[in-house]
Amino acid sequence: MFRSTVLRSLRTPLAAVARPIVARAPVAFTHVQFYSGFAPLTRDLAKERILELLEGYDKVKNPESITEESSFSQDLGLDSLDVVEVVMEVEHEFNIQIPDHEADTLKTVGQTIDYIVSQPDAC
């Protein structure tokens, strides 16, 4: 019984089994969205964002007097753990990864700004 059913199904023409293809008219788009990347990161923009980040950090001694020459440990009163937290926040803010050996060289606000601006994928 099974063998006869299989043989019968093999003899059925493909046109009887296949569904016809229905052609559709092309669809006209009425709404198109364009996406763009971030604006280029300038030194002034990077400086502004880093200063805002440091001014919002509660362990900074004197947030009003932050300049590019300000040292994280001497002028801002941050210990080594606080500097690591600041570097992590900078990484998050600019969507980059700073390797540990390069993070150890960032001692001042100006050095951090220069490093961020030199990164091609910082945004």
PDB file of N, CA and C in Angstrom:
ATOM      1  N   MET A   1       0.815  -1.183   0.000  1.00  0.00           N
ATOM      2  CA  MET A   1       0.000   0.000   0.000  1.00  0.00           C
ATOM      3  C   MET A   1       0.865   1.256   0.000  1.00  0.00           C
ATOM      4  N   PHE A   2       1.839   1.296   0.849  1.00  0.00           N
ATOM      5  CA  PHE A   2       2.715   2.459   0.930  1.00  0.00           C
ATOM      6  C   PHE A   2       3.467   2.667  -0.377  1.00  0.00           C
ATOM      7  N   ARG A   3       3.926   1.557  -0.969  1.00  0.00           N
ATOM      8  CA  ARG A   3       4.685   1.629  -2.198  1.00  0.00           C
ATOM      9  C   ARG A   3       3.850   2.185  -3.343  1.00  0.00           C
ATOM     10  N   SER A   4       2.626   1.835  -3.433  1.00  0.00           N
ATOM     11  CA  SER A   4       1.778   2.342  -4.516  1.00  0.00           C
ATOM     12  C   SER A   4       1.486   3.832  -4.340  1.00  0.00           C
ATOM     13  N   THR A   5       1.349   4.281  -3.102  1.00  0.00           N
ATOM     14  CA  THR A   5       1.120   5.713  -2.849  1.00  0.00           C
ATOM     15  C   THR A   5       2.338   6.522  -3.247  1.00  0.00           C
ATOM     16  N   VAL A   6       3.515   6.045  -2.926  1.00  0.00           N
ATOM     17  CA  VAL A   6       4.744   6.748  -3.285  1.00  0.00           C
ATOM     18  C   VAL A   6       4.908   6.784  -4.785  1.00  0.00           C
ATOM     19  N   LEU A   7       4.657   5.672  -5.447  1.00  0.00           N
ATOM     20  CA  LEU A   7       4.795   5.641  -6.895  1.00  0.00           C
ATOM     21  C   LEU A   7       3.795   6.571  -7.563  1.00  0.00           C
ATOM     22  N   ARG A   8       2.579   6.621  -7.054  1.00  0.00           N
ATOM     23  CA  ARG A   8       1.577   7.518  -7.621  1.00  0.00           C
ATOM     24  C   ARG A   8       1.993   8.980  -7.455  1.00  0.00           C
ATOM     25  N   SER A   9       2.567   9.299  -6.286  1.00  0.00           N
ATOM     26  CA  SER A   9       2.975  10.686  -6.052  1.00  0.00           C
ATOM     27  C   SER A   9       4.161  11.061  -6.935  1.00  0.00           C
ATOM     28  N   LEU A  10       4.996  10.094  -7.275  1.00  0.00           N
ATOM     29  CA  LEU A  10       6.115  10.385  -8.153  1.00  0.00           C
ATOM     30  C   LEU A  10       5.662  10.604  -9.584  1.00  0.00           C
ATOM     31  N   ARG A  11       4.534  10.028  -9.971  1.00  0.00           N
ATOM     32  CA  ARG A  11       4.027  10.188 -11.327  1.00  0.00           C
ATOM     33  C   ARG A  11       3.219  11.470 -11.501  1.00  0.00           C
ATOM     34  N   THR A  12       2.844  12.119 -10.419  1.00  0.00           N
ATOM     35  CA  THR A  12       2.049  13.344 -10.517  1.00  0.00           C
ATOM     36  C   THR A  12       2.918  14.447 -11.116  1.00  0.00           C
ATOM     37  N   PRO A  13       2.413  15.126 -12.130  1.00  0.00           N
ATOM     38  CA  PRO A  13       3.210  16.181 -12.748  1.00  0.00           C
ATOM     39  C   PRO A  13       3.452  17.327 -11.757  1.00  0.00           C
ATOM     40  N   LEU A  14       4.592  17.974 -11.885  1.00  0.00           N
ATOM     41  CA  LEU A  14       4.974  19.047 -10.981  1.00  0.00           C
ATOM     42  C   LEU A  14       4.016  20.224 -11.075  1.00  0.00           C
ATOM     43  N   ALA A  15       3.473  20.481 -12.220  1.00  0.00           N
ATOM     44  CA  ALA A  15       2.553  21.603 -12.397  1.00  0.00           C
ATOM     45  C   ALA A  15       1.300  21.425 -11.557  1.00  0.00           C
ATOM     46  N   ALA A  16       0.903  20.195 -11.307  1.00  0.00           N
ATOM     47  CA  ALA A  16      -0.303  19.959 -10.516  1.00  0.00           C
ATOM     48  C   ALA A  16      -0.035  20.175  -9.029  1.00  0.00           C
ATOM     49  N   VAL A  17       1.200  20.059  -8.599  1.00  0.00           N
ATOM     50  CA  VAL A  17       1.541  20.183  -7.186  1.00  0.00           C
ATOM     51  C   VAL A  17       1.988  21.601  -6.836  1.00  0.00           C
ATOM     52  N   ALA A  18       2.733  22.223  -7.715  1.00  0.00           N
ATOM     53  CA  ALA A  18       3.316  23.535  -7.419  1.00  0.00           C
ATOM     54  C   ALA A  18       2.263  24.630  -7.467  1.00  0.00           C
ATOM     55  N   ARG A  19       2.459  25.611  -6.646  1.00  0.00           N
ATOM     56  CA  ARG A  19       1.559  26.765  -6.646  1.00  0.00           C
ATOM     57  C   ARG A  19       2.017  27.767  -7.699  1.00  0.00           C
ATOM     58  N   PRO A  20       1.079  28.428  -8.324  1.00  0.00           N
ATOM     59  CA  PRO A  20       1.481  29.413  -9.326  1.00  0.00           C
ATOM     60  C   PRO A  20       2.134  30.632  -8.645  1.00  0.00           C
ATOM     61  N   ILE A  21       3.084  31.234  -9.330  1.00  0.00           N
ATOM     62  CA  ILE A  21       3.768  32.421  -8.820  1.00  0.00           C
ATOM     63  C   ILE A  21       2.956  33.643  -9.233  1.00  0.00           C
ATOM     64  N   VAL A  22       2.646  34.465  -8.247  1.00  0.00           N
ATOM     65  CA  VAL A  22       1.878  35.667  -8.508  1.00  0.00           C
ATOM     66  C   VAL A  22       2.839  36.844  -8.581  1.00  0.00           C
ATOM     67  N   ALA A  23       2.832  37.547  -9.691  1.00  0.00           N
ATOM     68  CA  ALA A  23       3.700  38.712  -9.846  1.00  0.00           C
ATOM     69  C   ALA A  23       3.058  39.901  -9.148  1.00  0.00           C
ATOM     70  N   ARG A  24       3.877  40.640  -8.429  1.00  0.00           N
ATOM     71  CA  ARG A  24       3.367  41.826  -7.731  1.00  0.00           C
ATOM     72  C   ARG A  24       3.960  43.076  -8.361  1.00  0.00           C
ATOM     73  N   ALA A  25       3.161  44.108  -8.335  1.00  0.00           N
ATOM     74  CA  ALA A  25       3.633  45.387  -8.855  1.00  0.00           C
ATOM     75  C   ALA A  25       4.633  45.980  -7.870  1.00  0.00           C
ATOM     76  N   PRO A  26       5.631  46.709  -8.343  1.00  0.00           N
ATOM     77  CA  PRO A  26       6.604  47.321  -7.433  1.00  0.00           C
ATOM     78  C   PRO A  26       5.909  48.320  -6.500  1.00  0.00           C
ATOM     79  N   VAL A  27       6.396  48.367  -5.275  1.00  0.00           N
ATOM     80  CA  VAL A  27       5.815  49.248  -4.263  1.00  0.00           C
ATOM     81  C   VAL A  27       6.563  50.567  -4.288  1.00  0.00           C
ATOM     82  N   ALA A  28       5.831  51.655  -4.319  1.00  0.00           N
ATOM     83  CA  ALA A  28       6.444  52.979  -4.287  1.00  0.00           C
ATOM     84  C   ALA A  28       6.617  53.416  -2.839  1.00  0.00           C
ATOM     85  N   PHE A  29       7.818  53.846  -2.478  1.00  0.00           N
ATOM     86  CA  PHE A  29       8.081  54.316  -1.126  1.00  0.00           C
ATOM     87  C   PHE A  29       7.690  55.775  -1.014  1.00  0.00           C
ATOM     88  N   THR A  30       6.952  56.087   0.031  1.00  0.00           N
ATOM     89  CA  THR A  30       6.537  57.471   0.232  1.00  0.00           C
ATOM     90  C   THR A  30       7.331  58.135   1.340  1.00  0.00           C
ATOM     91  N   HIS A  31       8.051  57.357   2.149  1.00  0.00           N
ATOM     92  CA  HIS A  31       8.787  57.913   3.266  1.00  0.00           C
ATOM     93  C   HIS A  31      10.182  57.292   3.297  1.00  0.00           C
ATOM     94  N   VAL A  32      11.188  58.132   3.243  1.00  0.00           N
ATOM     95  CA  VAL A  32      12.559  57.658   3.273  1.00  0.00           C
ATOM     96  C   VAL A  32      13.276  58.350   4.417  1.00  0.00           C
ATOM     97  N   GLN A  33      14.001  57.578   5.237  1.00  0.00           N
ATOM     98  CA  GLN A  33      14.771  58.152   6.332  1.00  0.00           C
ATOM     99  C   GLN A  33      16.243  58.035   6.015  1.00  0.00           C
ATOM    100  N   PHE A  34      16.982  59.079   6.341  1.00  0.00           N
ATOM    101  CA  PHE A  34      18.420  59.071   6.171  1.00  0.00           C
ATOM    102  C   PHE A  34      19.060  59.143   7.548  1.00  0.00           C
ATOM    103  N   TYR A  35      20.099  58.386   7.731  1.00  0.00           N
ATOM    104  CA  TYR A  35      20.819  58.375   8.997  1.00  0.00           C
ATOM    105  C   TYR A  35      22.227  58.890   8.747  1.00  0.00           C
ATOM    106  N   SER A  36      22.753  59.567   9.730  1.00  0.00           N
ATOM    107  CA  SER A  36      24.117  60.063   9.597  1.00  0.00           C
ATOM    108  C   SER A  36      24.897  59.722  10.850  1.00  0.00           C
ATOM    109  N   GLY A  37      26.184  59.845  10.757  1.00  0.00           N
ATOM    110  CA  GLY A  37      27.054  59.571  11.894  1.00  0.00           C
ATOM    111  C   GLY A  37      27.108  60.756  12.831  1.00  0.00           C
ATOM    112  N   PHE A  38      27.976  60.639  13.806  1.00  0.00           N
ATOM    113  CA  PHE A  38      28.166  61.722  14.760  1.00  0.00           C
ATOM    114  C   PHE A  38      28.920  62.860  14.100  1.00  0.00           C
ATOM    115  N   ALA A  39      28.746  64.047  14.663  1.00  0.00           N
ATOM    116  CA  ALA A  39      29.525  65.183  14.199  1.00  0.00           C
ATOM    117  C   ALA A  39      30.989  64.930  14.549  1.00  0.00           C
ATOM    118  N   PRO A  40      31.913  65.477  13.765  1.00  0.00           N
ATOM    119  CA  PRO A  40      33.325  65.243  14.069  1.00  0.00           C
ATOM    120  C   PRO A  40      33.683  65.782  15.460  1.00  0.00           C
ATOM    121  N   LEU A  41      34.524  65.043  16.140  1.00  0.00           N
ATOM    122  CA  LEU A  41      34.919  65.411  17.494  1.00  0.00           C
ATOM    123  C   LEU A  41      36.056  66.418  17.429  1.00  0.00           C
ATOM    124  N   THR A  42      35.791  67.612  17.896  1.00  0.00           N
ATOM    125  CA  THR A  42      36.812  68.656  17.925  1.00  0.00           C
ATOM    126  C   THR A  42      37.435  68.702  19.313  1.00  0.00           C
ATOM    127  N   ARG A  43      38.549  69.386  19.414  1.00  0.00           N
ATOM    128  CA  ARG A  43      39.224  69.499  20.707  1.00  0.00           C
ATOM    129  C   ARG A  43      38.353  70.265  21.698  1.00  0.00           C
ATOM    130  N   ASP A  44      37.697  71.323  21.241  1.00  0.00           N
ATOM    131  CA  ASP A  44      36.840  72.109  22.139  1.00  0.00           C
ATOM    132  C   ASP A  44      35.667  71.281  22.662  1.00  0.00           C
ATOM    133  N   LEU A  45      35.073  70.473  21.799  1.00  0.00           N
ATOM    134  CA  LEU A  45      33.962  69.625  22.222  1.00  0.00           C
ATOM    135  C   LEU A  45      34.428  68.559  23.208  1.00  0.00           C
ATOM    136  N   ALA A  46      35.583  67.958  22.934  1.00  0.00           N
ATOM    137  CA  ALA A  46      36.131  66.955  23.856  1.00  0.00           C
ATOM    138  C   ALA A  46      36.447  67.593  25.201  1.00  0.00           C
ATOM    139  N   LYS A  47      37.022  68.788  25.184  1.00  0.00           N
ATOM    140  CA  LYS A  47      37.344  69.499  26.434  1.00  0.00           C
ATOM    141  C   LYS A  47      36.078  69.790  27.230  1.00  0.00           C
ATOM    142  N   GLU A  48      35.056  70.264  26.551  1.00  0.00           N
ATOM    143  CA  GLU A  48      33.797  70.579  27.223  1.00  0.00           C
ATOM    144  C   GLU A  48      33.193  69.338  27.876  1.00  0.00           C
ATOM    145  N   ARG A  49      33.195  68.227  27.158  1.00  0.00           N
ATOM    146  CA  ARG A  49      32.597  67.002  27.699  1.00  0.00           C
ATOM    147  C   ARG A  49      33.404  66.443  28.868  1.00  0.00           C
ATOM    148  N   ILE A  50      34.729  66.517  28.800  1.00  0.00           N
ATOM    149  CA  ILE A  50      35.555  66.032  29.904  1.00  0.00           C
ATOM    150  C   ILE A  50      35.405  66.935  31.125  1.00  0.00           C
ATOM    151  N   LEU A  51      35.351  68.249  30.913  1.00  0.00           N
ATOM    152  CA  LEU A  51      35.165  69.155  32.052  1.00  0.00           C
ATOM    153  C   LEU A  51      33.810  68.926  32.720  1.00  0.00           C
ATOM    154  N   GLU A  52      32.765  68.700  31.935  1.00  0.00           N
ATOM    155  CA  GLU A  52      31.451  68.389  32.518  1.00  0.00           C
ATOM    156  C   GLU A  52      31.500  67.094  33.315  1.00  0.00           C
ATOM    157  N   LEU A  53      32.213  66.112  32.790  1.00  0.00           N
ATOM    158  CA  LEU A  53      32.342  64.836  33.477  1.00  0.00           C
ATOM    159  C   LEU A  53      33.057  65.018  34.812  1.00  0.00           C
ATOM    160  N   LEU A  54      34.151  65.792  34.815  1.00  0.00           N
ATOM    161  CA  LEU A  54      34.912  66.002  36.045  1.00  0.00           C
ATOM    162  C   LEU A  54      34.162  66.880  37.042  1.00  0.00           C
ATOM    163  N   GLU A  55      33.433  67.864  36.544  1.00  0.00           N
ATOM    164  CA  GLU A  55      32.664  68.726  37.449  1.00  0.00           C
ATOM    165  C   GLU A  55      31.538  67.955  38.114  1.00  0.00           C
ATOM    166  N   GLY A  56      31.023  66.942  37.466  1.00  0.00           N
ATOM    167  CA  GLY A  56      29.964  66.134  38.042  1.00  0.00           C
ATOM    168  C   GLY A  56      30.467  65.038  38.961  1.00  0.00           C
ATOM    169  N   TYR A  57      31.783  64.811  38.962  1.00  0.00           N
ATOM    170  CA  TYR A  57      32.363  63.772  39.810  1.00  0.00           C
ATOM    171  C   TYR A  57      32.484  64.321  41.225  1.00  0.00           C
ATOM    172  N   ASP A  58      31.869  63.679  42.189  1.00  0.00           N
ATOM    173  CA  ASP A  58      31.755  64.234  43.533  1.00  0.00           C
ATOM    174  C   ASP A  58      33.053  64.232  44.335  1.00  0.00           C
ATOM    175  N   LYS A  59      34.079  63.522  43.902  1.00  0.00           N
ATOM    176  CA  LYS A  59      35.331  63.475  44.659  1.00  0.00           C
ATOM    177  C   LYS A  59      36.339  64.530  44.223  1.00  0.00           C
ATOM    178  N   VAL A  60      36.004  65.328  43.221  1.00  0.00           N
ATOM    179  CA  VAL A  60      36.890  66.406  42.788  1.00  0.00           C
ATOM    180  C   VAL A  60      36.822  67.524  43.823  1.00  0.00           C
ATOM    181  N   LYS A  61      38.010  67.970  44.293  1.00  0.00           N
ATOM    182  CA  LYS A  61      38.061  68.955  45.369  1.00  0.00           C
ATOM    183  C   LYS A  61      37.450  70.293  44.978  1.00  0.00           C
ATOM    184  N   ASN A  62      37.920  70.874  43.895  1.00  0.00           N
ATOM    185  CA  ASN A  62      37.493  72.217  43.520  1.00  0.00           C
ATOM    186  C   ASN A  62      37.067  72.217  42.051  1.00  0.00           C
ATOM    187  N   PRO A  63      35.810  71.850  41.759  1.00  0.00           N
ATOM    188  CA  PRO A  63      35.382  71.699  40.355  1.00  0.00           C
ATOM    189  C   PRO A  63      35.414  72.993  39.541  1.00  0.00           C
ATOM    190  N   GLU A  64      35.338  74.144  40.206  1.00  0.00           N
ATOM    191  CA  GLU A  64      35.307  75.419  39.466  1.00  0.00           C
ATOM    192  C   GLU A  64      36.669  75.771  38.877  1.00  0.00           C
ATOM    193  N   SER A  65      37.734  75.234  39.442  1.00  0.00           N
ATOM    194  CA  SER A  65      39.075  75.627  39.012  1.00  0.00           C
ATOM    195  C   SER A  65      39.751  74.591  38.115  1.00  0.00           C
ATOM    196  N   ILE A  66      38.992  73.747  37.460  1.00  0.00           N
ATOM    197  CA  ILE A  66      39.577  72.739  36.574  1.00  0.00           C
ATOM    198  C   ILE A  66      40.054  73.408  35.289  1.00  0.00           C
ATOM    199  N   THR A  67      41.327  73.190  34.959  1.00  0.00           N
ATOM    200  CA  THR A  67      41.897  73.674  33.704  1.00  0.00           C
ATOM    201  C   THR A  67      42.565  72.498  32.999  1.00  0.00           C
ATOM    202  N   GLU A  68      43.114  72.753  31.815  1.00  0.00           N
ATOM    203  CA  GLU A  68      43.808  71.686  31.093  1.00  0.00           C
ATOM    204  C   GLU A  68      45.090  71.268  31.802  1.00  0.00           C
ATOM    205  N   GLU A  69      45.657  72.158  32.587  1.00  0.00           N
ATOM    206  CA  GLU A  69      46.892  71.848  33.304  1.00  0.00           C
ATOM    207  C   GLU A  69      46.631  71.139  34.626  1.00  0.00           C
ATOM    208  N   SER A  70      45.381  70.983  35.016  1.00  0.00           N
ATOM    209  CA  SER A  70      45.040  70.361  36.292  1.00  0.00           C
ATOM    210  C   SER A  70      45.456  68.900  36.313  1.00  0.00           C
ATOM    211  N   SER A  71      46.192  68.537  37.342  1.00  0.00           N
ATOM    212  CA  SER A  71      46.591  67.155  37.539  1.00  0.00           C
ATOM    213  C   SER A  71      45.480  66.429  38.289  1.00  0.00           C
ATOM    214  N   PHE A  72      45.225  65.188  37.895  1.00  0.00           N
ATOM    215  CA  PHE A  72      44.162  64.428  38.556  1.00  0.00           C
ATOM    216  C   PHE A  72      44.464  64.230  40.038  1.00  0.00           C
ATOM    217  N   SER A  73      45.696  63.887  40.356  1.00  0.00           N
ATOM    218  CA  SER A  73      46.007  63.566  41.753  1.00  0.00           C
ATOM    219  C   SER A  73      46.352  64.803  42.568  1.00  0.00           C
ATOM    220  N   GLN A  74      47.169  65.713  42.051  1.00  0.00           N
ATOM    221  CA  GLN A  74      47.618  66.854  42.847  1.00  0.00           C
ATOM    222  C   GLN A  74      46.580  67.969  42.923  1.00  0.00           C
ATOM    223  N   ASP A  75      46.055  68.374  41.781  1.00  0.00           N
ATOM    224  CA  ASP A  75      45.147  69.523  41.765  1.00  0.00           C
ATOM    225  C   ASP A  75      43.695  69.154  42.079  1.00  0.00           C
ATOM    226  N   LEU A  76      43.262  67.989  41.604  1.00  0.00           N
ATOM    227  CA  LEU A  76      41.866  67.602  41.800  1.00  0.00           C
ATOM    228  C   LEU A  76      41.671  66.716  43.022  1.00  0.00           C
ATOM    229  N   GLY A  77      42.756  66.240  43.621  1.00  0.00           N
ATOM    230  CA  GLY A  77      42.663  65.453  44.844  1.00  0.00           C
ATOM    231  C   GLY A  77      42.137  64.040  44.660  1.00  0.00           C
ATOM    232  N   LEU A  78      42.372  63.454  43.498  1.00  0.00           N
ATOM    233  CA  LEU A  78      41.891  62.096  43.234  1.00  0.00           C
ATOM    234  C   LEU A  78      42.981  61.090  43.549  1.00  0.00           C
ATOM    235  N   ASP A  79      42.611  59.978  44.179  1.00  0.00           N
ATOM    236  CA  ASP A  79      43.583  58.908  44.388  1.00  0.00           C
ATOM    237  C   ASP A  79      43.581  57.991  43.167  1.00  0.00           C
ATOM    238  N   SER A  80      44.402  56.943  43.200  1.00  0.00           N
ATOM    239  CA  SER A  80      44.568  56.083  42.016  1.00  0.00           C
ATOM    240  C   SER A  80      43.268  55.384  41.622  1.00  0.00           C
ATOM    241  N   LEU A  81      42.476  54.979  42.594  1.00  0.00           N
ATOM    242  CA  LEU A  81      41.196  54.334  42.284  1.00  0.00           C
ATOM    243  C   LEU A  81      40.225  55.329  41.642  1.00  0.00           C
ATOM    244  N   ASP A  82      40.234  56.562  42.128  1.00  0.00           N
ATOM    245  CA  ASP A  82      39.378  57.591  41.536  1.00  0.00           C
ATOM    246  C   ASP A  82      39.787  57.877  40.088  1.00  0.00           C
ATOM    247  N   VAL A  83      41.092  57.883  39.820  1.00  0.00           N
ATOM    248  CA  VAL A  83      41.566  58.124  38.451  1.00  0.00           C
ATOM    249  C   VAL A  83      41.109  56.989  37.533  1.00  0.00           C
ATOM    250  N   VAL A  84      41.142  55.760  38.031  1.00  0.00           N
ATOM    251  CA  VAL A  84      40.653  54.622  37.242  1.00  0.00           C
ATOM    252  C   VAL A  84      39.165  54.799  36.944  1.00  0.00           C
ATOM    253  N   GLU A  85      38.396  55.245  37.924  1.00  0.00           N
ATOM    254  CA  GLU A  85      36.963  55.487  37.697  1.00  0.00           C
ATOM    255  C   GLU A  85      36.739  56.590  36.674  1.00  0.00           C
ATOM    256  N   VAL A  86      37.552  57.641  36.734  1.00  0.00           N
ATOM    257  CA  VAL A  86      37.427  58.733  35.764  1.00  0.00           C
ATOM    258  C   VAL A  86      37.756  58.222  34.360  1.00  0.00           C
ATOM    259  N   VAL A  87      38.805  57.416  34.229  1.00  0.00           N
ATOM    260  CA  VAL A  87      39.173  56.866  32.919  1.00  0.00           C
ATOM    261  C   VAL A  87      38.043  55.983  32.383  1.00  0.00           C
ATOM    262  N   MET A  88      37.420  55.209  33.255  1.00  0.00           N
ATOM    263  CA  MET A  88      36.294  54.375  32.816  1.00  0.00           C
ATOM    264  C   MET A  88      35.126  55.231  32.353  1.00  0.00           C
ATOM    265  N   GLU A  89      34.868  56.334  33.037  1.00  0.00           N
ATOM    266  CA  GLU A  89      33.796  57.237  32.612  1.00  0.00           C
ATOM    267  C   GLU A  89      34.135  57.911  31.288  1.00  0.00           C
ATOM    268  N   VAL A  90      35.402  58.251  31.091  1.00  0.00           N
ATOM    269  CA  VAL A  90      35.831  58.835  29.810  1.00  0.00           C
ATOM    270  C   VAL A  90      35.636  57.818  28.688  1.00  0.00           C
ATOM    271  N   GLU A  91      35.991  56.552  28.946  1.00  0.00           N
ATOM    272  CA  GLU A  91      35.775  55.504  27.949  1.00  0.00           C
ATOM    273  C   GLU A  91      34.301  55.395  27.586  1.00  0.00           C
ATOM    274  N   HIS A  92      33.458  55.450  28.586  1.00  0.00           N
ATOM    275  CA  HIS A  92      32.017  55.351  28.343  1.00  0.00           C
ATOM    276  C   HIS A  92      31.497  56.579  27.607  1.00  0.00           C
ATOM    277  N   GLU A  93      31.961  57.742  27.994  1.00  0.00           N
ATOM    278  CA  GLU A  93      31.504  58.992  27.386  1.00  0.00           C
ATOM    279  C   GLU A  93      31.849  59.071  25.902  1.00  0.00           C
ATOM    280  N   PHE A  94      33.048  58.618  25.544  1.00  0.00           N
ATOM    281  CA  PHE A  94      33.517  58.751  24.169  1.00  0.00           C
ATOM    282  C   PHE A  94      33.456  57.440  23.389  1.00  0.00           C
ATOM    283  N   ASN A  95      32.922  56.393  24.004  1.00  0.00           N
ATOM    284  CA  ASN A  95      32.718  55.097  23.351  1.00  0.00           C
ATOM    285  C   ASN A  95      34.023  54.515  22.788  1.00  0.00           C
ATOM    286  N   ILE A  96      35.055  54.506  23.627  1.00  0.00           N
ATOM    287  CA  ILE A  96      36.349  53.958  23.238  1.00  0.00           C
ATOM    288  C   ILE A  96      36.866  53.060  24.353  1.00  0.00           C
ATOM    289  N   GLN A  97      37.931  52.333  24.061  1.00  0.00           N
ATOM    290  CA  GLN A  97      38.642  51.539  25.054  1.00  0.00           C
ATOM    291  C   GLN A  97      40.045  52.115  25.196  1.00  0.00           C
ATOM    292  N   ILE A  98      40.455  52.406  26.422  1.00  0.00           N
ATOM    293  CA  ILE A  98      41.791  52.919  26.687  1.00  0.00           C
ATOM    294  C   ILE A  98      42.584  51.796  27.342  1.00  0.00           C
ATOM    295  N   PRO A  99      43.627  51.304  26.676  1.00  0.00           N
ATOM    296  CA  PRO A  99      44.435  50.241  27.289  1.00  0.00           C
ATOM    297  C   PRO A  99      45.080  50.725  28.587  1.00  0.00           C
ATOM    298  N   ASP A 100      45.323  49.798  29.497  1.00  0.00           N
ATOM    299  CA  ASP A 100      45.859  50.146  30.817  1.00  0.00           C
ATOM    300  C   ASP A 100      47.193  50.875  30.731  1.00  0.00           C
ATOM    301  N   HIS A 101      48.073  50.434  29.841  1.00  0.00           N
ATOM    302  CA  HIS A 101      49.390  51.080  29.764  1.00  0.00           C
ATOM    303  C   HIS A 101      49.279  52.521  29.254  1.00  0.00           C
ATOM    304  N   GLU A 102      48.255  52.833  28.486  1.00  0.00           N
ATOM    305  CA  GLU A 102      48.055  54.204  28.032  1.00  0.00           C
ATOM    306  C   GLU A 102      47.279  55.013  29.071  1.00  0.00           C
ATOM    307  N   ALA A 103      46.392  54.372  29.802  1.00  0.00           N
ATOM    308  CA  ALA A 103      45.645  55.063  30.854  1.00  0.00           C
ATOM    309  C   ALA A 103      46.589  55.529  31.956  1.00  0.00           C
ATOM    310  N   ASP A 104      47.665  54.779  32.193  1.00  0.00           N
ATOM    311  CA  ASP A 104      48.632  55.170  33.220  1.00  0.00           C
ATOM    312  C   ASP A 104      49.390  56.432  32.856  1.00  0.00           C
ATOM    313  N   THR A 105      49.457  56.777  31.578  1.00  0.00           N
ATOM    314  CA  THR A 105      50.178  57.977  31.151  1.00  0.00           C
ATOM    315  C   THR A 105      49.314  59.231  31.235  1.00  0.00           C
ATOM    316  N   LEU A 106      48.015  59.085  31.423  1.00  0.00           N
ATOM    317  CA  LEU A 106      47.110  60.245  31.488  1.00  0.00           C
ATOM    318  C   LEU A 106      47.136  60.815  32.898  1.00  0.00           C
ATOM    319  N   LYS A 107      47.901  61.878  33.078  1.00  0.00           N
ATOM    320  CA  LYS A 107      48.066  62.484  34.403  1.00  0.00           C
ATOM    321  C   LYS A 107      47.313  63.796  34.556  1.00  0.00           C
ATOM    322  N   THR A 108      47.062  64.499  33.435  1.00  0.00           N
ATOM    323  CA  THR A 108      46.384  65.794  33.492  1.00  0.00           C
ATOM    324  C   THR A 108      45.148  65.784  32.599  1.00  0.00           C
ATOM    325  N   VAL A 109      44.343  66.796  32.773  1.00  0.00           N
ATOM    326  CA  VAL A 109      43.137  66.944  31.953  1.00  0.00           C
ATOM    327  C   VAL A 109      43.525  67.168  30.491  1.00  0.00           C
ATOM    328  N   GLY A 110      44.556  67.982  30.251  1.00  0.00           N
ATOM    329  CA  GLY A 110      45.003  68.264  28.886  1.00  0.00           C
ATOM    330  C   GLY A 110      45.510  67.017  28.173  1.00  0.00           C
ATOM    331  N   GLN A 111      46.255  66.164  28.897  1.00  0.00           N
ATOM    332  CA  GLN A 111      46.725  64.922  28.290  1.00  0.00           C
ATOM    333  C   GLN A 111      45.543  64.026  27.912  1.00  0.00           C
ATOM    334  N   THR A 112      44.528  64.010  28.743  1.00  0.00           N
ATOM    335  CA  THR A 112      43.337  63.200  28.458  1.00  0.00           C
ATOM    336  C   THR A 112      42.609  63.732  27.228  1.00  0.00           C
ATOM    337  N   ILE A 113      42.485  65.039  27.132  1.00  0.00           N
ATOM    338  CA  ILE A 113      41.829  65.643  25.970  1.00  0.00           C
ATOM    339  C   ILE A 113      42.610  65.314  24.701  1.00  0.00           C
ATOM    340  N   ASP A 114      43.929  65.465  24.746  1.00  0.00           N
ATOM    341  CA  ASP A 114      44.762  65.164  23.581  1.00  0.00           C
ATOM    342  C   ASP A 114      44.627  63.690  23.176  1.00  0.00           C
ATOM    343  N   TYR A 115      44.586  62.807  24.167  1.00  0.00           N
ATOM    344  CA  TYR A 115      44.453  61.390  23.861  1.00  0.00           C
ATOM    345  C   TYR A 115      43.106  61.108  23.187  1.00  0.00           C
ATOM    346  N   ILE A 116      42.032  61.667  23.705  1.00  0.00           N
ATOM    347  CA  ILE A 116      40.696  61.435  23.142  1.00  0.00           C
ATOM    348  C   ILE A 116      40.629  61.934  21.699  1.00  0.00           C
ATOM    349  N   VAL A 117      41.167  63.129  21.465  1.00  0.00           N
ATOM    350  CA  VAL A 117      41.104  63.706  20.115  1.00  0.00           C
ATOM    351  C   VAL A 117      41.944  62.882  19.140  1.00  0.00           C
ATOM    352  N   SER A 118      43.000  62.236  19.617  1.00  0.00           N
ATOM    353  CA  SER A 118      43.852  61.440  18.724  1.00  0.00           C
ATOM    354  C   SER A 118      43.248  60.104  18.346  1.00  0.00           C
ATOM    355  N   GLN A 119      42.180  59.694  18.998  1.00  0.00           N
ATOM    356  CA  GLN A 119      41.550  58.405  18.710  1.00  0.00           C
ATOM    357  C   GLN A 119      40.578  58.555  17.540  1.00  0.00           C
ATOM    358  N   PRO A 120      40.780  57.794  16.472  1.00  0.00           N
ATOM    359  CA  PRO A 120      39.915  57.950  15.293  1.00  0.00           C
ATOM    360  C   PRO A 120      38.474  57.477  15.512  1.00  0.00           C
ATOM    361  N   ASP A 121      38.258  56.572  16.443  1.00  0.00           N
ATOM    362  CA  ASP A 121      36.898  56.055  16.648  1.00  0.00           C
ATOM    363  C   ASP A 121      36.167  56.698  17.820  1.00  0.00           C
ATOM    364  N   ALA A 122      36.736  57.754  18.393  1.00  0.00           N
ATOM    365  CA  ALA A 122      36.071  58.453  19.492  1.00  0.00           C
ATOM    366  C   ALA A 122      34.894  59.254  18.933  1.00  0.00           C
ATOM    367  N   CYS A 123      33.794  59.217  19.632  1.00  0.00           N
ATOM    368  CA  CYS A 123      32.620  59.976  19.173  1.00  0.00           C
ATOM    369  C   CYS A 123      31.955  60.679  20.330  1.00  0.00           C
TER     370      CYS A 123
END
